[in-house]
Protein backbone atom coordinates (compact mmCIF):
# COMPACT_ATOMS: atom_id res chain seq x y z
CA MET A 1 167.40 66.24 115.57
CA ARG A 2 167.28 67.89 112.14
CA LYS A 3 169.27 66.25 109.37
CA LEU A 4 172.08 68.23 107.76
CA LYS A 5 170.96 69.46 104.32
CA ILE A 6 173.70 68.72 101.78
CA TYR A 7 173.99 69.89 98.18
CA ILE A 8 176.29 67.65 96.14
CA ASP A 9 177.89 69.13 93.06
CA THR A 10 178.97 67.21 89.98
CA SER A 11 182.64 67.00 90.98
CA VAL A 12 181.77 64.79 93.95
CA ILE A 13 179.70 62.37 91.90
CA SER A 14 182.34 62.12 89.18
CA HIS A 15 185.02 61.37 91.80
CA LEU A 16 183.29 58.10 92.63
CA PHE A 17 185.22 56.80 89.62
CA ALA A 18 188.31 59.06 89.63
CA ASP A 19 191.08 56.47 89.35
CA ASP A 20 193.55 59.29 88.61
CA THR A 21 192.99 60.75 92.12
CA PRO A 22 192.80 57.68 94.38
CA ASP A 23 192.70 59.59 97.69
CA LYS A 24 189.77 61.75 96.59
CA MET A 25 188.05 58.71 95.09
CA ALA A 26 188.44 56.80 98.38
CA ASP A 27 187.06 59.70 100.44
CA THR A 28 184.18 60.17 98.01
CA ASN A 29 183.26 56.50 98.26
CA ARG A 30 183.45 56.67 102.07
CA LEU A 31 181.15 59.69 101.97
CA TRP A 32 178.80 57.84 99.61
CA ARG A 33 178.48 54.98 102.10
CA ASP A 34 177.63 57.51 104.81
CA LEU A 35 175.08 59.22 102.57
CA ALA A 36 173.41 55.89 101.83
CA LYS A 37 172.65 55.49 105.56
CA ASP A 38 170.01 58.23 105.28
CA GLY A 39 171.49 60.48 107.95
CA TYR A 40 171.35 63.53 105.68
CA GLU A 41 168.95 65.35 103.40
CA ILE A 42 170.68 65.26 100.03
CA PHE A 43 170.03 67.57 97.11
CA ILE A 44 171.22 67.79 93.52
CA SER A 45 170.15 70.24 90.83
CA PRO A 46 169.34 70.18 87.13
CA THR A 47 172.80 71.71 86.64
CA VAL A 48 174.28 68.49 88.08
CA THR A 49 172.17 66.23 85.85
CA GLU A 50 172.99 68.35 82.77
CA GLU A 51 176.70 68.03 83.53
CA LEU A 52 176.36 64.29 84.14
CA GLU A 53 174.70 63.85 80.77
CA GLU A 54 177.95 65.07 79.20
CA CYS A 55 179.81 62.02 80.59
CA ARG A 56 180.63 59.27 78.15
CA GLU A 57 179.49 55.72 78.54
CA PRO A 58 180.04 53.52 80.45
CA LYS A 59 180.85 56.14 83.12
CA ARG A 60 177.45 57.86 82.75
CA SER A 61 175.56 54.63 83.42
CA GLN A 62 177.85 53.79 86.35
CA ILE A 63 177.22 57.23 87.85
CA TYR A 64 173.46 56.89 87.59
CA GLN A 65 173.69 53.44 89.16
CA ARG A 66 175.60 54.91 92.11
CA LEU A 67 173.08 57.77 92.41
CA GLY A 68 170.46 55.07 92.91
CA GLU A 69 172.22 54.06 96.13
CA ILE A 70 171.32 57.30 97.91
CA THR A 71 168.06 59.11 98.55
CA PHE A 72 168.18 62.61 97.12
CA GLN A 73 165.86 65.34 95.99
CA LEU A 74 166.23 66.86 92.54
CA LEU A 75 165.72 70.59 92.96
CA GLU A 76 163.62 72.68 90.62
CA LYS A 77 165.14 75.53 88.65
CA THR A 78 163.43 78.80 89.56
CA ASN A 79 163.77 82.45 88.65
CA GLU A 80 165.09 83.07 92.17
CA VAL A 81 167.93 80.57 91.65
CA ASN A 82 168.79 82.11 88.28
CA GLN A 83 168.71 85.66 89.66
CA LEU A 84 170.97 84.76 92.58
CA ALA A 85 173.46 83.08 90.24
CA HIS A 86 173.55 86.31 88.22
CA GLU A 87 174.12 88.28 91.44
CA TYR A 88 177.20 86.14 92.09
CA ILE A 89 178.49 86.98 88.61
CA ASN A 90 177.62 90.70 88.97
CA HIS A 91 179.50 90.89 92.28
CA GLY A 92 182.60 89.14 90.93
CA VAL A 93 182.29 85.89 92.85
CA LEU A 94 183.13 84.10 89.58
CA LYS A 95 183.33 85.06 85.92
CA GLU A 96 180.47 84.55 83.44
CA LYS A 97 182.19 81.46 81.99
CA SER A 98 181.73 79.82 85.43
CA PHE A 99 177.99 80.51 85.53
CA ASP A 100 177.19 76.83 86.16
CA ASP A 101 179.28 76.95 89.33
CA CYS A 102 177.26 79.99 90.42
CA MET A 103 174.13 77.97 89.71
CA HIS A 104 175.35 75.21 92.05
CA ILE A 105 175.80 77.76 94.81
CA ALA A 106 172.49 79.49 94.10
CA PHE A 107 170.53 76.22 94.14
CA ALA A 108 172.02 75.29 97.50
CA VAL A 109 171.43 78.74 98.99
CA VAL A 110 167.88 79.26 97.72
CA TYR A 111 166.85 75.79 98.91
CA ASN A 112 168.38 76.44 102.36
CA CYS A 113 171.03 73.75 102.28
CA ASP A 114 173.54 73.84 105.13
CA VAL A 115 176.54 72.84 103.07
CA ILE A 116 177.80 72.39 99.51
CA ILE A 117 180.08 69.38 99.06
CA SER A 118 182.55 69.80 96.20
CA TRP A 119 185.99 68.86 94.91
CA ASN A 120 186.07 72.00 92.76
CA PHE A 121 188.92 73.90 94.40
CA LYS A 122 189.31 76.32 91.49
CA HIS A 123 185.81 77.78 91.67
CA LEU A 124 184.00 76.64 94.81
CA VAL A 125 186.11 75.33 97.69
CA ASN A 126 188.43 78.29 98.07
CA PHE A 127 188.74 81.26 100.38
CA LYS A 128 187.95 83.95 97.80
CA THR A 129 184.76 82.31 96.57
CA ILE A 130 183.53 81.41 100.04
CA ASN A 131 184.01 84.97 101.32
CA LYS A 132 182.43 86.61 98.28
CA VAL A 133 179.44 84.26 98.49
CA LYS A 134 179.05 85.22 102.15
CA ILE A 135 178.94 88.93 101.20
CA VAL A 136 176.51 88.49 98.30
CA ASN A 137 174.25 86.31 100.44
CA ALA A 138 174.20 88.96 103.18
CA ILE A 139 173.42 91.74 100.68
CA ASN A 140 170.54 89.67 99.28
CA GLN A 141 169.33 88.53 102.72
CA TYR A 142 170.23 84.87 102.37
CA ARG A 143 171.91 82.91 105.12
CA GLU A 144 175.51 81.76 104.98
CA ILE A 145 176.41 78.42 103.51
CA SER A 146 179.48 76.26 104.07
CA ILE A 147 181.40 75.01 101.03
CA ILE A 148 183.57 72.02 101.90
CA THR A 149 185.17 68.87 100.50
CA PRO A 150 183.86 65.36 101.13
CA THR A 151 186.91 64.79 103.34
CA MET A 152 185.93 67.68 105.59
CA LEU A 153 182.47 66.20 106.14
CA LEU A 154 184.02 62.81 106.91
CA GLU A 155 186.40 64.35 109.45
CA GLU A 156 183.48 66.13 111.06
CA GLY A 157 181.70 62.80 111.49
CA ASP A 158 184.69 60.79 112.72
């Protein structure tokens, strides 16, 4: 059986240490334990690593230590990814100031991930974004992608 291909955005990784949102932190840590079992193909992008570099110490070091617990592939930035992210902006999926969020989606789509895992309700895990991404992907002949929270993946596996 083929493993589910998961793209993890920065919000998930940062919630491993989100004491201010204990429920999300608990679900993220449960997900992390599942991911460490190697039942998924896991992907992150240079956009994720660039955003993680902005974290202050000691959180940055703690995050990289936790990343070492899972097997993931670091995706390569390509012209195709960049062009698709611009398509999302051009079609009003998000505004230009949210270009990095479009990059997360584009990386996942271009690399044929099945799902994006995110806690970013404002820009990613919401009805408007999900539907607009579906339309832009169809126009550009890409397949659909699911955008869900860590909790939703956990519930699927329970």
